[in-house]
Amino acid sequence: MSKGLSDKIEQVREYYESQGCSPEEIDRRLFNPDDGDDIEDLYNKIMRKAEIDCEIDKIDYMPNKIRNSLRAYIMGDALGVPFKGQKKWDFKCTGFVGGGIYEKEAGTWSGNTSIMLCLLDALTRSKDLKEATKLYKKNLQDWYYENAFTVDGTFDVGVQIRKSIELNFKKNRERNICYIDNKALLYAPLTYYFTNENLTKEDFTKFCKITHNNPRCIYYGWRFCDVLGNCITGNSKSRYYHYINNDDITNTFEHVIDYFQTYKDGYIDGSLFECLCKIINHGENTNTNAALFGLLLGTEKDVEEKDWQQIRKHQFADEIIDAFIEKILQMTINVQFPI
């Protein structure tokens, strides 16, 4: 028996021993296999499996990071709903409460979360991006007209999205710069769909222009995707200044990024829940600011189960998030290890 073959037999034995196989079972698999594989075949299969397991270990962090990020987005949205439109110093957010301009129960998410769930569901159920854009449009219509993807009804839609849905997305082929609201930033979770390769601006634009087909929305939405991608890879970002804290896309982008950088610099501390309350206490568009800040902060801090349990219909949200994560994890493995 050649030295190379004996080494392979020894590695195959070690692998099966690690799987709890008895010596008799190992000998049978090596020298009298049911499937006809010879020792070379067994060795190659085991080495391939070990390589895949190694890569899975490398990306094992990804599902938890993404889940925390998306949960933190929803939690920030629900925490901020009761305070939307209020001025700084006129209130103090310390936890989930009801009321506000929409008069919702504590823990109710807004259209921000519904839009994200529409997007995640479309990406999960589609075989390619072309089909995903069609499913996304259908999901948006079901949300707007049928209250799908909501807790107890549609609210906080946004002028640009309302206009796009009511026109059945037909007019969006022409750039419309009349409405430049900040909900274009809600396309940032597209970053997670491309964890095995970089999200291109072309792919981002295909989705963003469905509801926000104007230059500023595409520009700042794309930049926010870049920031979120850097949170996953650990690269730092520069700080941005000169914003007004309102619902214009430029100001929302710079307010959230600046606040996140302030956290990174060590000037904001506490649990994820406490940090979300702190950005909400800046007032104005509280739920969108906190949702986007949560999307970034959730890549570094965990959402505690006791806090997540206070979100209404959190099980429904988890079902969509978990299905989305399973899809992108399988895509990642298939790209790295094609059959």
C-alpha atoms as a PDB file:
ATOM      1  CA  MET A   1       0.000   0.000   0.000  1.00  0.00           C
ATOM      2  CA  SER A   2       1.462   3.341  -1.001  1.00  0.00           C
ATOM      3  CA  LYS A   3       2.251   5.895   1.664  1.00  0.00           C
ATOM      4  CA  GLY A   4      -0.161   8.370   0.062  1.00  0.00           C
ATOM      5  CA  LEU A   5      -3.038   5.906   0.189  1.00  0.00           C
ATOM      6  CA  SER A   6      -2.282   4.878   3.778  1.00  0.00           C
ATOM      7  CA  ASP A   7      -2.343   8.536   4.807  1.00  0.00           C
ATOM      8  CA  LYS A   8      -5.728   8.970   3.151  1.00  0.00           C
ATOM      9  CA  ILE A   9      -7.104   5.889   4.902  1.00  0.00           C
ATOM     10  CA  GLU A  10      -5.888   7.272   8.215  1.00  0.00           C
ATOM     11  CA  GLN A  11      -7.578  10.635   7.596  1.00  0.00           C
ATOM     12  CA  VAL A  12     -10.811   8.904   6.607  1.00  0.00           C
ATOM     13  CA  ARG A  13     -10.631   6.817   9.810  1.00  0.00           C
ATOM     14  CA  GLU A  14     -10.058   9.953  11.913  1.00  0.00           C
ATOM     15  CA  TYR A  15     -13.045  11.656  10.318  1.00  0.00           C
ATOM     16  CA  TYR A  16     -15.429   8.751  10.921  1.00  0.00           C
ATOM     17  CA  GLU A  17     -14.155   8.387  14.489  1.00  0.00           C
ATOM     18  CA  SER A  18     -14.989  12.061  15.065  1.00  0.00           C
ATOM     19  CA  GLN A  19     -18.514  11.261  13.864  1.00  0.00           C
ATOM     20  CA  GLY A  20     -18.840   8.488  16.488  1.00  0.00           C
ATOM     21  CA  CYS A  21     -18.559   5.509  14.125  1.00  0.00           C
ATOM     22  CA  SER A  22     -17.362   2.171  15.558  1.00  0.00           C
ATOM     23  CA  PRO A  23     -14.161   0.528  14.227  1.00  0.00           C
ATOM     24  CA  GLU A  24     -16.279  -2.154  12.539  1.00  0.00           C
ATOM     25  CA  GLU A  25     -18.450   0.472  10.806  1.00  0.00           C
ATOM     26  CA  ILE A  26     -15.360   2.363   9.661  1.00  0.00           C
ATOM     27  CA  ASP A  27     -13.839  -0.788   8.150  1.00  0.00           C
ATOM     28  CA  ARG A  28     -17.092  -1.553   6.362  1.00  0.00           C
ATOM     29  CA  ARG A  29     -17.265   1.967   4.888  1.00  0.00           C
ATOM     30  CA  LEU A  30     -13.632   1.803   3.836  1.00  0.00           C
ATOM     31  CA  PHE A  31     -13.454  -1.679   2.349  1.00  0.00           C
ATOM     32  CA  ASN A  32     -17.048  -2.749   1.650  1.00  0.00           C
ATOM     33  CA  PRO A  33     -19.060   0.440   1.040  1.00  0.00           C
ATOM     34  CA  ASP A  34     -22.744   0.215   0.125  1.00  0.00           C
ATOM     35  CA  ASP A  35     -22.490   2.966  -2.488  1.00  0.00           C
ATOM     36  CA  GLY A  36     -19.448   1.534  -4.273  1.00  0.00           C
ATOM     37  CA  ASP A  37     -17.104   4.402  -3.369  1.00  0.00           C
ATOM     38  CA  ASP A  38     -13.459   3.418  -3.181  1.00  0.00           C
ATOM     39  CA  ILE A  39     -10.999   4.901  -0.704  1.00  0.00           C
ATOM     40  CA  GLU A  40     -10.075   7.744  -3.066  1.00  0.00           C
ATOM     41  CA  ASP A  41     -13.754   8.657  -3.463  1.00  0.00           C
ATOM     42  CA  LEU A  42     -14.324   8.604   0.307  1.00  0.00           C
ATOM     43  CA  TYR A  43     -11.255  10.728   0.916  1.00  0.00           C
ATOM     44  CA  ASN A  44     -12.283  13.329  -1.666  1.00  0.00           C
ATOM     45  CA  LYS A  45     -15.833  13.529  -0.268  1.00  0.00           C
ATOM     46  CA  ILE A  46     -14.572  13.955   3.285  1.00  0.00           C
ATOM     47  CA  MET A  47     -12.036  16.592   2.297  1.00  0.00           C
ATOM     48  CA  ARG A  48     -14.741  18.521   0.416  1.00  0.00           C
ATOM     49  CA  LYS A  49     -17.085  18.308   3.397  1.00  0.00           C
ATOM     50  CA  ALA A  50     -14.319  19.485   5.725  1.00  0.00           C
ATOM     51  CA  GLU A  51     -13.643  22.429   3.393  1.00  0.00           C
ATOM     52  CA  ILE A  52     -17.331  23.354   3.340  1.00  0.00           C
ATOM     53  CA  ASP A  53     -17.581  23.020   7.124  1.00  0.00           C
ATOM     54  CA  CYS A  54     -14.589  25.326   7.476  1.00  0.00           C
ATOM     55  CA  GLU A  55     -16.177  27.961   5.254  1.00  0.00           C
ATOM     56  CA  ILE A  56     -19.487  27.639   7.074  1.00  0.00           C
ATOM     57  CA  ASP A  57     -17.641  28.263  10.340  1.00  0.00           C
ATOM     58  CA  LYS A  58     -16.145  31.404   8.809  1.00  0.00           C
ATOM     59  CA  ILE A  59     -19.556  32.767   7.858  1.00  0.00           C
ATOM     60  CA  ASP A  60     -21.347  31.445  10.932  1.00  0.00           C
ATOM     61  CA  TYR A  61     -21.259  34.947  12.399  1.00  0.00           C
ATOM     62  CA  MET A  62     -23.339  36.247   9.514  1.00  0.00           C
ATOM     63  CA  PRO A  63     -26.825  34.928  10.435  1.00  0.00           C
ATOM     64  CA  ASN A  64     -26.683  36.360  13.965  1.00  0.00           C
ATOM     65  CA  LYS A  65     -25.375  39.707  12.765  1.00  0.00           C
ATOM     66  CA  ILE A  66     -28.066  40.011  10.138  1.00  0.00           C
ATOM     67  CA  ARG A  67     -30.823  38.844  12.482  1.00  0.00           C
ATOM     68  CA  ASN A  68     -29.754  41.327  15.166  1.00  0.00           C
ATOM     69  CA  SER A  69     -29.504  44.123  12.618  1.00  0.00           C
ATOM     70  CA  LEU A  70     -32.974  43.522  11.160  1.00  0.00           C
ATOM     71  CA  ARG A  71     -34.532  43.030  14.592  1.00  0.00           C
ATOM     72  CA  ALA A  72     -32.915  46.240  15.843  1.00  0.00           C
ATOM     73  CA  TYR A  73     -34.341  48.057  12.828  1.00  0.00           C
ATOM     74  CA  ILE A  74     -37.853  46.879  13.724  1.00  0.00           C
ATOM     75  CA  MET A  75     -37.366  47.621  17.405  1.00  0.00           C
ATOM     76  CA  GLY A  76     -36.147  51.157  16.675  1.00  0.00           C
ATOM     77  CA  ASP A  77     -39.128  51.712  14.405  1.00  0.00           C
ATOM     78  CA  ALA A  78     -41.633  50.510  17.026  1.00  0.00           C
ATOM     79  CA  LEU A  79     -39.968  52.449  19.835  1.00  0.00           C
ATOM     80  CA  GLY A  80     -40.040  55.661  17.831  1.00  0.00           C
ATOM     81  CA  VAL A  81     -43.610  55.519  16.479  1.00  0.00           C
ATOM     82  CA  PRO A  82     -45.299  57.218  19.500  1.00  0.00           C
ATOM     83  CA  PHE A  83     -42.857  60.153  19.406  1.00  0.00           C
ATOM     84  CA  LYS A  84     -42.843  60.881  15.673  1.00  0.00           C
ATOM     85  CA  GLY A  85     -42.988  64.603  14.917  1.00  0.00           C
ATOM     86  CA  GLN A  86     -42.189  65.740  18.451  1.00  0.00           C
ATOM     87  CA  LYS A  87     -39.403  68.193  19.203  1.00  0.00           C
ATOM     88  CA  LYS A  88     -36.285  67.440  21.176  1.00  0.00           C
ATOM     89  CA  TRP A  89     -36.704  68.087  24.915  1.00  0.00           C
ATOM     90  CA  ASP A  90     -40.520  67.832  24.659  1.00  0.00           C
ATOM     91  CA  PHE A  91     -40.508  64.149  25.625  1.00  0.00           C
ATOM     92  CA  LYS A  92     -38.274  61.365  26.882  1.00  0.00           C
ATOM     93  CA  CYS A  93     -38.286  57.848  25.473  1.00  0.00           C
ATOM     94  CA  THR A  94     -37.330  55.207  28.030  1.00  0.00           C
ATOM     95  CA  GLY A  95     -39.260  52.234  26.642  1.00  0.00           C
ATOM     96  CA  PHE A  96     -42.243  51.024  24.665  1.00  0.00           C
ATOM     97  CA  VAL A  97     -45.367  53.153  25.004  1.00  0.00           C
ATOM     98  CA  GLY A  98     -48.547  53.635  23.029  1.00  0.00           C
ATOM     99  CA  GLY A  99     -50.247  56.745  21.677  1.00  0.00           C
ATOM    100  CA  GLY A 100     -48.677  59.407  19.506  1.00  0.00           C
ATOM    101  CA  ILE A 101     -50.063  60.882  16.293  1.00  0.00           C
ATOM    102  CA  TYR A 102     -51.065  57.441  15.050  1.00  0.00           C
ATOM    103  CA  GLU A 103     -52.584  56.337  18.388  1.00  0.00           C
ATOM    104  CA  LYS A 104     -51.058  52.880  18.213  1.00  0.00           C
ATOM    105  CA  GLU A 105     -50.477  50.323  20.957  1.00  0.00           C
ATOM    106  CA  ALA A 106     -46.985  49.972  22.386  1.00  0.00           C
ATOM    107  CA  GLY A 107     -44.662  47.881  20.227  1.00  0.00           C
ATOM    108  CA  THR A 108     -46.380  48.596  16.900  1.00  0.00           C
ATOM    109  CA  TRP A 109     -44.113  48.928  13.889  1.00  0.00           C
ATOM    110  CA  SER A 110     -44.802  51.421  11.090  1.00  0.00           C
ATOM    111  CA  GLY A 111     -44.603  51.439   7.317  1.00  0.00           C
ATOM    112  CA  ASN A 112     -40.812  51.444   7.640  1.00  0.00           C
ATOM    113  CA  THR A 113     -40.839  47.847   8.853  1.00  0.00           C
ATOM    114  CA  SER A 114     -43.631  46.824   6.492  1.00  0.00           C
ATOM    115  CA  ILE A 115     -41.591  48.045   3.514  1.00  0.00           C
ATOM    116  CA  MET A 116     -38.548  46.122   4.708  1.00  0.00           C
ATOM    117  CA  LEU A 117     -40.589  42.937   5.211  1.00  0.00           C
ATOM    118  CA  CYS A 118     -42.064  43.373   1.715  1.00  0.00           C
ATOM    119  CA  LEU A 119     -38.516  43.544   0.352  1.00  0.00           C
ATOM    120  CA  LEU A 120     -37.127  40.611   2.346  1.00  0.00           C
ATOM    121  CA  ASP A 121     -40.069  38.396   1.444  1.00  0.00           C
ATOM    122  CA  ALA A 122     -39.698  39.197  -2.263  1.00  0.00           C
ATOM    123  CA  LEU A 123     -35.969  38.454  -2.222  1.00  0.00           C
ATOM    124  CA  THR A 124     -36.564  35.192  -0.361  1.00  0.00           C
ATOM    125  CA  ARG A 125     -39.290  33.827  -2.640  1.00  0.00           C
ATOM    126  CA  SER A 126     -37.766  34.803  -5.983  1.00  0.00           C
ATOM    127  CA  LYS A 127     -35.351  32.849  -8.143  1.00  0.00           C
ATOM    128  CA  ASP A 128     -33.615  35.978  -9.473  1.00  0.00           C
ATOM    129  CA  LEU A 129     -33.640  39.764  -9.113  1.00  0.00           C
ATOM    130  CA  LYS A 130     -36.021  40.276 -12.019  1.00  0.00           C
ATOM    131  CA  GLU A 131     -38.648  38.146 -10.318  1.00  0.00           C
ATOM    132  CA  ALA A 132     -37.830  39.790  -6.979  1.00  0.00           C
ATOM    133  CA  THR A 133     -38.723  43.258  -8.308  1.00  0.00           C
ATOM    134  CA  LYS A 134     -42.111  41.964  -9.490  1.00  0.00           C
ATOM    135  CA  LEU A 135     -42.824  40.264  -6.158  1.00  0.00           C
ATOM    136  CA  TYR A 136     -41.739  43.379  -4.311  1.00  0.00           C
ATOM    137  CA  LYS A 137     -44.214  45.536  -6.238  1.00  0.00           C
ATOM    138  CA  LYS A 138     -46.964  43.008  -5.511  1.00  0.00           C
ATOM    139  CA  ASN A 139     -46.047  42.984  -1.808  1.00  0.00           C
ATOM    140  CA  LEU A 140     -46.146  46.783  -1.663  1.00  0.00           C
ATOM    141  CA  GLN A 141     -49.613  46.792  -3.207  1.00  0.00           C
ATOM    142  CA  ASP A 142     -50.821  44.124  -0.766  1.00  0.00           C
ATOM    143  CA  TRP A 143     -49.427  46.196   2.090  1.00  0.00           C
ATOM    144  CA  TYR A 144     -50.984  49.460   0.910  1.00  0.00           C
ATOM    145  CA  TYR A 145     -54.388  48.132  -0.120  1.00  0.00           C
ATOM    146  CA  GLU A 146     -54.812  44.953   1.961  1.00  0.00           C
ATOM    147  CA  ASN A 147     -52.833  45.731   5.178  1.00  0.00           C
ATOM    148  CA  ALA A 148     -50.405  42.877   4.517  1.00  0.00           C
ATOM    149  CA  PHE A 149     -47.096  42.955   6.403  1.00  0.00           C
ATOM    150  CA  THR A 150     -48.605  45.173   9.122  1.00  0.00           C
ATOM    151  CA  VAL A 151     -49.504  44.736  12.783  1.00  0.00           C
ATOM    152  CA  ASP A 152     -53.012  46.171  12.620  1.00  0.00           C
ATOM    153  CA  GLY A 153     -53.227  48.282   9.474  1.00  0.00           C
ATOM    154  CA  THR A 154     -51.176  50.438   7.127  1.00  0.00           C
ATOM    155  CA  PHE A 155     -49.865  53.817   8.307  1.00  0.00           C
ATOM    156  CA  ASP A 156     -46.824  56.088   7.892  1.00  0.00           C
ATOM    157  CA  VAL A 157     -46.605  55.375   4.176  1.00  0.00           C
ATOM    158  CA  GLY A 158     -44.658  58.353   2.828  1.00  0.00           C
ATOM    159  CA  VAL A 159     -45.610  60.621  -0.061  1.00  0.00           C
ATOM    160  CA  GLN A 160     -43.270  59.133  -2.663  1.00  0.00           C
ATOM    161  CA  ILE A 161     -44.216  55.525  -1.948  1.00  0.00           C
ATOM    162  CA  ARG A 162     -47.927  56.338  -1.870  1.00  0.00           C
ATOM    163  CA  LYS A 163     -47.645  58.081  -5.228  1.00  0.00           C
ATOM    164  CA  SER A 164     -45.685  55.178  -6.739  1.00  0.00           C
ATOM    165  CA  ILE A 165     -48.159  52.534  -5.602  1.00  0.00           C
ATOM    166  CA  GLU A 166     -51.256  54.474  -6.611  1.00  0.00           C
ATOM    167  CA  LEU A 167     -49.808  55.049 -10.088  1.00  0.00           C
ATOM    168  CA  ASN A 168     -48.983  51.324 -10.243  1.00  0.00           C
ATOM    169  CA  PHE A 169     -45.286  52.245 -10.591  1.00  0.00           C
ATOM    170  CA  LYS A 170     -45.824  53.278 -14.231  1.00  0.00           C
ATOM    171  CA  LYS A 171     -44.714  56.891 -13.900  1.00  0.00           C
ATOM    172  CA  ASN A 172     -41.479  55.968 -12.146  1.00  0.00           C
ATOM    173  CA  ARG A 173     -39.713  55.476 -15.445  1.00  0.00           C
ATOM    174  CA  GLU A 174     -39.286  59.240 -15.451  1.00  0.00           C
ATOM    175  CA  ARG A 175     -37.239  60.751 -12.686  1.00  0.00           C
ATOM    176  CA  ASN A 176     -39.398  62.661 -10.231  1.00  0.00           C
ATOM    177  CA  ILE A 177     -37.568  65.058  -7.934  1.00  0.00           C
ATOM    178  CA  CYS A 178     -40.647  66.595  -6.349  1.00  0.00           C
ATOM    179  CA  TYR A 179     -40.673  64.182  -3.414  1.00  0.00           C
ATOM    180  CA  ILE A 180     -37.327  63.291  -1.886  1.00  0.00           C
ATOM    181  CA  ASP A 181     -38.322  61.632   1.377  1.00  0.00           C
ATOM    182  CA  ASN A 182     -36.014  59.463   3.419  1.00  0.00           C
ATOM    183  CA  LYS A 183     -37.672  56.090   2.809  1.00  0.00           C
ATOM    184  CA  ALA A 184     -35.220  55.399  -0.022  1.00  0.00           C
ATOM    185  CA  LEU A 185     -32.793  54.569   2.807  1.00  0.00           C
ATOM    186  CA  LEU A 186     -35.024  51.613   3.691  1.00  0.00           C
ATOM    187  CA  TYR A 187     -33.532  49.680   0.777  1.00  0.00           C
ATOM    188  CA  ALA A 188     -30.314  49.187   2.760  1.00  0.00           C
ATOM    189  CA  PRO A 189     -31.142  45.522   3.656  1.00  0.00           C
ATOM    190  CA  LEU A 190     -30.401  44.742  -0.005  1.00  0.00           C
ATOM    191  CA  THR A 191     -26.796  44.750   1.213  1.00  0.00           C
ATOM    192  CA  TYR A 192     -27.443  41.505   3.080  1.00  0.00           C
ATOM    193  CA  TYR A 193     -28.786  39.747  -0.008  1.00  0.00           C
ATOM    194  CA  PHE A 194     -25.363  40.177  -1.600  1.00  0.00           C
ATOM    195  CA  THR A 195     -23.234  38.900   1.284  1.00  0.00           C
ATOM    196  CA  ASN A 196     -21.318  36.554  -1.051  1.00  0.00           C
ATOM    197  CA  GLU A 197     -20.539  39.402  -3.484  1.00  0.00           C
ATOM    198  CA  ASN A 198     -20.687  43.166  -3.461  1.00  0.00           C
ATOM    199  CA  LEU A 199     -24.015  44.857  -4.094  1.00  0.00           C
ATOM    200  CA  THR A 200     -23.659  46.894  -7.271  1.00  0.00           C
ATOM    201  CA  LYS A 201     -25.146  50.338  -7.704  1.00  0.00           C
ATOM    202  CA  GLU A 202     -26.977  49.035 -10.776  1.00  0.00           C
ATOM    203  CA  ASP A 203     -28.742  46.330  -8.748  1.00  0.00           C
ATOM    204  CA  PHE A 204     -29.544  48.778  -5.972  1.00  0.00           C
ATOM    205  CA  THR A 205     -30.982  51.260  -8.457  1.00  0.00           C
ATOM    206  CA  LYS A 206     -33.296  48.616  -9.943  1.00  0.00           C
ATOM    207  CA  PHE A 207     -35.076  48.390  -6.598  1.00  0.00           C
ATOM    208  CA  CYS A 208     -34.799  51.987  -5.412  1.00  0.00           C
ATOM    209  CA  LYS A 209     -36.317  53.403  -8.588  1.00  0.00           C
ATOM    210  CA  ILE A 210     -39.485  51.330  -8.025  1.00  0.00           C
ATOM    211  CA  THR A 211     -40.542  53.942  -5.478  1.00  0.00           C
ATOM    212  CA  HIS A 212     -37.788  56.595  -5.425  1.00  0.00           C
ATOM    213  CA  ASN A 213     -36.554  57.175  -8.953  1.00  0.00           C
ATOM    214  CA  ASN A 214     -34.705  60.435  -8.475  1.00  0.00           C
ATOM    215  CA  PRO A 215     -30.978  61.229  -8.250  1.00  0.00           C
ATOM    216  CA  ARG A 216     -30.728  62.247  -4.603  1.00  0.00           C
ATOM    217  CA  CYS A 217     -32.643  59.246  -3.311  1.00  0.00           C
ATOM    218  CA  ILE A 218     -30.543  56.846  -5.363  1.00  0.00           C
ATOM    219  CA  TYR A 219     -27.337  58.607  -4.321  1.00  0.00           C
ATOM    220  CA  TYR A 220     -27.980  58.617  -0.569  1.00  0.00           C
ATOM    221  CA  GLY A 221     -29.702  55.228  -0.547  1.00  0.00           C
ATOM    222  CA  TRP A 222     -26.678  53.723  -2.249  1.00  0.00           C
ATOM    223  CA  ARG A 223     -24.310  55.419   0.194  1.00  0.00           C
ATOM    224  CA  PHE A 224     -26.247  54.017   3.137  1.00  0.00           C
ATOM    225  CA  CYS A 225     -25.899  50.513   1.669  1.00  0.00           C
ATOM    226  CA  ASP A 226     -22.159  51.129   1.553  1.00  0.00           C
ATOM    227  CA  VAL A 227     -22.128  52.151   5.217  1.00  0.00           C
ATOM    228  CA  LEU A 228     -24.059  49.023   6.221  1.00  0.00           C
ATOM    229  CA  GLY A 229     -21.692  46.853   4.199  1.00  0.00           C
ATOM    230  CA  ASN A 230     -18.760  48.400   6.014  1.00  0.00           C
ATOM    231  CA  CYS A 231     -20.391  47.546   9.348  1.00  0.00           C
ATOM    232  CA  ILE A 232     -20.241  43.885   8.364  1.00  0.00           C
ATOM    233  CA  THR A 233     -16.627  44.005   7.164  1.00  0.00           C
ATOM    234  CA  GLY A 234     -15.476  46.234  10.028  1.00  0.00           C
ATOM    235  CA  ASN A 235     -14.246  49.144   7.913  1.00  0.00           C
ATOM    236  CA  SER A 236     -14.618  52.600   9.425  1.00  0.00           C
ATOM    237  CA  LYS A 237     -16.531  55.483   7.901  1.00  0.00           C
ATOM    238  CA  SER A 238     -15.996  59.220   8.035  1.00  0.00           C
ATOM    239  CA  ARG A 239     -18.304  61.502   9.962  1.00  0.00           C
ATOM    240  CA  TYR A 240     -20.788  63.744   8.182  1.00  0.00           C
ATOM    241  CA  TYR A 241     -21.927  67.173   9.366  1.00  0.00           C
ATOM    242  CA  HIS A 242     -24.281  70.049   8.537  1.00  0.00           C
ATOM    243  CA  TYR A 243     -27.665  68.374   8.710  1.00  0.00           C
ATOM    244  CA  ILE A 244     -31.103  69.332   9.980  1.00  0.00           C
ATOM    245  CA  ASN A 245     -32.922  66.568  11.831  1.00  0.00           C
ATOM    246  CA  ASN A 246     -36.013  66.097   9.651  1.00  0.00           C
ATOM    247  CA  ASP A 247     -37.374  63.630   7.083  1.00  0.00           C
ATOM    248  CA  ASP A 248     -35.426  64.824   4.046  1.00  0.00           C
ATOM    249  CA  ILE A 249     -33.204  62.003   2.798  1.00  0.00           C
ATOM    250  CA  THR A 250     -29.975  64.010   3.008  1.00  0.00           C
ATOM    251  CA  ASN A 251     -30.609  65.109   6.579  1.00  0.00           C
ATOM    252  CA  THR A 252     -31.777  61.683   7.737  1.00  0.00           C
ATOM    253  CA  PHE A 253     -28.709  60.041   6.230  1.00  0.00           C
ATOM    254  CA  GLU A 254     -26.300  62.448   7.853  1.00  0.00           C
ATOM    255  CA  HIS A 255     -28.094  62.466  11.200  1.00  0.00           C
ATOM    256  CA  VAL A 256     -28.050  58.661  11.482  1.00  0.00           C
ATOM    257  CA  ILE A 257     -24.469  58.284  10.225  1.00  0.00           C
ATOM    258  CA  ASP A 258     -23.208  61.042  12.493  1.00  0.00           C
ATOM    259  CA  TYR A 259     -24.956  59.497  15.494  1.00  0.00           C
ATOM    260  CA  PHE A 260     -23.523  56.067  14.679  1.00  0.00           C
ATOM    261  CA  GLN A 261     -20.034  57.540  14.371  1.00  0.00           C
ATOM    262  CA  THR A 262     -20.524  59.250  17.719  1.00  0.00           C
ATOM    263  CA  TYR A 263     -21.308  55.815  19.169  1.00  0.00           C
ATOM    264  CA  LYS A 264     -18.205  54.351  17.493  1.00  0.00           C
ATOM    265  CA  ASP A 265     -16.101  57.124  19.014  1.00  0.00           C
ATOM    266  CA  GLY A 266     -17.281  56.083  22.475  1.00  0.00           C
ATOM    267  CA  TYR A 267     -19.483  59.058  23.293  1.00  0.00           C
ATOM    268  CA  ILE A 268     -22.665  56.964  23.421  1.00  0.00           C
ATOM    269  CA  ASP A 269     -22.878  53.834  25.526  1.00  0.00           C
ATOM    270  CA  GLY A 270     -25.436  51.449  26.947  1.00  0.00           C
ATOM    271  CA  SER A 271     -27.385  48.483  25.643  1.00  0.00           C
ATOM    272  CA  LEU A 272     -28.797  48.456  22.129  1.00  0.00           C
ATOM    273  CA  PHE A 273     -32.216  49.266  23.586  1.00  0.00           C
ATOM    274  CA  GLU A 274     -30.824  52.240  25.523  1.00  0.00           C
ATOM    275  CA  CYS A 275     -28.958  53.557  22.476  1.00  0.00           C
ATOM    276  CA  LEU A 276     -32.139  53.410  20.398  1.00  0.00           C
ATOM    277  CA  CYS A 277     -33.964  55.436  23.035  1.00  0.00           C
ATOM    278  CA  LYS A 278     -31.191  58.037  22.940  1.00  0.00           C
ATOM    279  CA  ILE A 279     -31.465  58.718  19.216  1.00  0.00           C
ATOM    280  CA  ILE A 280     -35.266  58.820  19.518  1.00  0.00           C
ATOM    281  CA  ASN A 281     -34.880  61.569  22.108  1.00  0.00           C
ATOM    282  CA  HIS A 282     -33.485  63.814  19.373  1.00  0.00           C
ATOM    283  CA  GLY A 283     -37.068  64.106  18.141  1.00  0.00           C
ATOM    284  CA  GLU A 284     -38.529  64.751  14.677  1.00  0.00           C
ATOM    285  CA  ASN A 285     -38.652  61.603  12.508  1.00  0.00           C
ATOM    286  CA  THR A 286     -38.020  59.382  15.487  1.00  0.00           C
ATOM    287  CA  ASN A 287     -39.058  55.980  14.134  1.00  0.00           C
ATOM    288  CA  THR A 288     -37.112  56.217  10.863  1.00  0.00           C
ATOM    289  CA  ASN A 289     -34.012  57.568  12.592  1.00  0.00           C
ATOM    290  CA  ALA A 290     -34.096  54.793  15.184  1.00  0.00           C
ATOM    291  CA  ALA A 291     -34.831  52.081  12.607  1.00  0.00           C
ATOM    292  CA  LEU A 292     -31.844  53.026  10.457  1.00  0.00           C
ATOM    293  CA  PHE A 293     -29.580  53.529  13.467  1.00  0.00           C
ATOM    294  CA  GLY A 294     -30.698  50.110  14.719  1.00  0.00           C
ATOM    295  CA  LEU A 295     -29.829  48.538  11.366  1.00  0.00           C
ATOM    296  CA  LEU A 296     -26.243  49.723  11.829  1.00  0.00           C
ATOM    297  CA  LEU A 297     -25.974  49.224  15.586  1.00  0.00           C
ATOM    298  CA  GLY A 298     -27.424  45.717  15.381  1.00  0.00           C
ATOM    299  CA  THR A 299     -24.267  44.569  13.618  1.00  0.00           C
ATOM    300  CA  GLU A 300     -22.379  45.216  16.873  1.00  0.00           C
ATOM    301  CA  LYS A 301     -24.889  44.877  19.718  1.00  0.00           C
ATOM    302  CA  ASP A 302     -27.420  42.135  20.449  1.00  0.00           C
ATOM    303  CA  VAL A 303     -31.168  42.572  20.665  1.00  0.00           C
ATOM    304  CA  GLU A 304     -32.238  41.122  24.005  1.00  0.00           C
ATOM    305  CA  GLU A 305     -35.111  38.648  23.851  1.00  0.00           C
ATOM    306  CA  LYS A 306     -37.012  40.426  26.616  1.00  0.00           C
ATOM    307  CA  ASP A 307     -37.051  43.571  24.478  1.00  0.00           C
ATOM    308  CA  TRP A 308     -37.883  41.733  21.261  1.00  0.00           C
ATOM    309  CA  GLN A 309     -40.859  40.037  22.935  1.00  0.00           C
ATOM    310  CA  GLN A 310     -42.468  43.456  23.348  1.00  0.00           C
ATOM    311  CA  ILE A 311     -42.750  43.910  19.570  1.00  0.00           C
ATOM    312  CA  ARG A 312     -46.259  43.122  18.392  1.00  0.00           C
ATOM    313  CA  LYS A 313     -46.307  40.257  15.845  1.00  0.00           C
ATOM    314  CA  HIS A 314     -42.611  39.630  16.431  1.00  0.00           C
ATOM    315  CA  GLN A 315     -43.102  35.961  15.520  1.00  0.00           C
ATOM    316  CA  PHE A 316     -44.372  36.988  12.084  1.00  0.00           C
ATOM    317  CA  ALA A 317     -41.354  39.243  11.580  1.00  0.00           C
ATOM    318  CA  ASP A 318     -38.996  36.468  12.699  1.00  0.00           C
ATOM    319  CA  GLU A 319     -40.487  34.058  10.165  1.00  0.00           C
ATOM    320  CA  ILE A 320     -39.689  36.435   7.313  1.00  0.00           C
ATOM    321  CA  ILE A 321     -36.230  37.296   8.690  1.00  0.00           C
ATOM    322  CA  ASP A 322     -35.263  33.656   9.274  1.00  0.00           C
ATOM    323  CA  ALA A 323     -36.441  32.589   5.801  1.00  0.00           C
ATOM    324  CA  PHE A 324     -34.426  35.449   4.292  1.00  0.00           C
ATOM    325  CA  ILE A 325     -31.298  34.466   6.228  1.00  0.00           C
ATOM    326  CA  GLU A 326     -31.670  30.830   5.216  1.00  0.00           C
ATOM    327  CA  LYS A 327     -31.917  31.903   1.572  1.00  0.00           C
ATOM    328  CA  ILE A 328     -28.801  34.079   1.595  1.00  0.00           C
ATOM    329  CA  LEU A 329     -26.814  31.532   3.616  1.00  0.00           C
ATOM    330  CA  GLN A 330     -27.612  28.847   1.060  1.00  0.00           C
ATOM    331  CA  MET A 331     -26.722  31.242  -1.754  1.00  0.00           C
ATOM    332  CA  THR A 332     -23.384  31.947  -0.095  1.00  0.00           C
ATOM    333  CA  ILE A 333     -22.555  28.246   0.213  1.00  0.00           C
ATOM    334  CA  ASN A 334     -23.630  27.545  -3.360  1.00  0.00           C
ATOM    335  CA  VAL A 335     -21.434  30.335  -4.718  1.00  0.00           C
ATOM    336  CA  GLN A 336     -18.395  29.181  -2.785  1.00  0.00           C
ATOM    337  CA  PHE A 337     -19.026  25.474  -3.334  1.00  0.00           C
ATOM    338  CA  PRO A 338     -21.017  24.953  -6.543  1.00  0.00           C
ATOM    339  CA  ILE A 339     -22.364  21.460  -7.042  1.00  0.00           C
END
